């Protein structure tokens, strides 16, 4: 299995190389040359299997010989051993024909754990064999950072730097990033919004002298291994509701498009997904793009669902690559136009996208009202991001079963949840002292030179 860049000018890499590289050197994102497919019988065979068994079957064709069967099985087994539900990603029925996929049973209470825990073990296995040290730099709108820190904290061959927008994440999200005591962990509060964090991350990757000097690697959803790990729970959820013998729909609250793109890959592999519904908050660039065919940036407005407060959805580039028939030069030109403010998608490409995706938007009032309505009718407490998904999903219900991704535990957003429904969502016992732990955080300017200097000084490279 080989991996190519969405912009067509970077070297072709193996899975391990693409994972350790993150962003391609031409600025693009890596994708497999071809997407392996599973037969209906193979998918049906997942029924009754453990999450780990399905994960191995789904991911094995993408990974190639760099990891032996034994190594991959071990990485998967260790990755999910710390989850507090034996099903790992259980389904809960919310209403007739509407189900929640609970993705918050991992160590940091968010869906990012499914990918990050696995990547931590894959990185460790690869780096030990290579006898190599790397510097991981990530940008987060809330959950990626804590998941990355949890996965890599304490490892001798990895330094982890996480950029998050100062004052724009919840207190629980912040403390999950700032309270680890391991010396290889560095939480950086950047003056700006998430798009600024993401832009500085890409600047570092495109500064090749710096990138090579510190051994830069990325674990944001620009990293293909992140997307691949998230493909698995689309299969386990769909098979639980009768796939491949009947189709399913998924609604995905998303800002950076990585989670919903994982659903797209599952669909390409043969999972009968009738529709992937993109759910956005009032920072609704993905919804506006599907409606109008124009991807045009606007300002980011802080919301009670901060992980979705994004205007530059990095993984959208991956689906554009397919929409334009894998013409890297076309994608590269559109990304240039995006840097200047936006671009228009061709008629053929937008029709391709509308054939796979639907979309919707939830205002702040609608998000709060949904949290309250779900509590009142079911006794379930949901986080604001999940509420955005539920609201949008309700507008797309039909005869096909709908699965809405519950992306985070409500305790990560206690103020927003309490204000909406009057209930207090308690942290699990293992995190009960989170607010008593000492924080370690460095506030940094939105300046590339300052960031690179800090990283040089702390790594000694």
Foldseek 3Di string as FASTA:
>chain_A
DWKAFLQGDFDIHALLVLQLLLAGLVRGFIDDPAFAADDQVRLLVCPPPALLVLLCVQCVVRHPDPADSVLLSVLSCQLQVQFPDRNCFDWDDLDVLEIATLLQRHPLFFVLSLQQLSSLSVVVVNCVVVVAAAEEEEEALFPNQLSNCVSNAPDPRYAYEYEAAPPQYFPSSQLSQFFDDGLSGAYEHEHDHRVLSVVLVSVCSNPVVLCVVRSYGYDDLSRVSSLSSLLSVVSVVLSVVPPPVAEAEEEEEDALCSNLVSVVSNVSNPTRHQAYEYFAEPLPQVQVCLVPQKLFFDAFDRALVRRNRHSHNRCVSVLLCVLVVNNSNVSVVQVVVVVVTIGGHDPSSSVVVVSHYHYDYAYRVQLLQQQQVSCVPPVDHAASSQSSRVSTVVVVDDPHRYYYYRGGQNQSRQVSSCVSHVDGRDDPPVCNCSVVGDTHHHYDYSDNVRVSVVSCVSSVD
